[in-house]
């Protein structure tokens, strides 16, 4: 699985995105992730 995560430069966007990433990583350990931020 490939995952693209886009989040702003503040915690209000980054922390929810990180929580989603961690949940998906637990279910799909081989996930490839690209983070894009501003």
C-alpha atoms as a PDB file:
ATOM      1  CA  UNK A   1       0.000   0.000   0.000  1.00  0.00           C
ATOM      2  CA  UNK A   2       1.192   3.502  -0.793  1.00  0.00           C
ATOM      3  CA  UNK A   3       0.084   6.466   1.255  1.00  0.00           C
ATOM      4  CA  UNK A   4       0.450  10.186   0.597  1.00  0.00           C
ATOM      5  CA  UNK A   5      -0.106  12.406   3.624  1.00  0.00           C
ATOM      6  CA  UNK A   6      -0.497  16.151   3.153  1.00  0.00           C
ATOM      7  CA  UNK A   7      -0.655  18.369   6.220  1.00  0.00           C
ATOM      8  CA  UNK A   8       0.053  21.987   7.031  1.00  0.00           C
ATOM      9  CA  UNK A   9       2.966  23.187   9.072  1.00  0.00           C
ATOM     10  CA  UNK A  10       1.028  23.462  12.334  1.00  0.00           C
ATOM     11  CA  UNK A  11       0.089  20.821  14.869  1.00  0.00           C
ATOM     12  CA  UNK A  12      -3.587  21.190  13.970  1.00  0.00           C
ATOM     13  CA  UNK A  13      -2.970  19.429  10.674  1.00  0.00           C
ATOM     14  CA  UNK A  14       0.076  17.331  11.451  1.00  0.00           C
ATOM     15  CA  UNK A  15      -1.076  15.509  14.592  1.00  0.00           C
ATOM     16  CA  UNK A  16      -4.356  14.182  13.119  1.00  0.00           C
ATOM     17  CA  UNK A  17      -2.450  13.067  10.005  1.00  0.00           C
ATOM     18  CA  UNK A  18       0.098  11.326  12.217  1.00  0.00           C
ATOM     19  CA  UNK A  19      -2.693   9.498  14.071  1.00  0.00           C
ATOM     20  CA  UNK A  20      -4.154   8.265  10.773  1.00  0.00           C
ATOM     21  CA  UNK A  21      -0.702   7.164   9.643  1.00  0.00           C
ATOM     22  CA  UNK A  22      -0.083   5.206  12.849  1.00  0.00           C
ATOM     23  CA  UNK A  23      -3.467   3.457  12.586  1.00  0.00           C
ATOM     24  CA  UNK A  24      -2.805   2.447   8.980  1.00  0.00           C
ATOM     25  CA  UNK A  25       0.753   1.362   9.798  1.00  0.00           C
ATOM     26  CA  UNK A  26      -0.611  -0.985  12.481  1.00  0.00           C
ATOM     27  CA  UNK A  27      -3.001  -2.592   9.988  1.00  0.00           C
ATOM     28  CA  UNK A  28      -0.636  -2.561   6.997  1.00  0.00           C
ATOM     29  CA  UNK A  29       2.984  -2.843   8.231  1.00  0.00           C
ATOM     30  CA  UNK A  30       4.412  -2.615   4.695  1.00  0.00           C
ATOM     31  CA  UNK A  31       2.837   0.743   3.877  1.00  0.00           C
ATOM     32  CA  UNK A  32       5.075   3.145   1.925  1.00  0.00           C
ATOM     33  CA  UNK A  33       4.491   6.723   3.044  1.00  0.00           C
ATOM     34  CA  UNK A  34       5.297  10.081   1.496  1.00  0.00           C
ATOM     35  CA  UNK A  35       4.802  13.127   3.725  1.00  0.00           C
ATOM     36  CA  UNK A  36       4.119  16.537   2.175  1.00  0.00           C
ATOM     37  CA  UNK A  37       3.879  19.627   4.353  1.00  0.00           C
ATOM     38  CA  UNK A  38       3.827  23.328   4.031  1.00  0.00           C
END
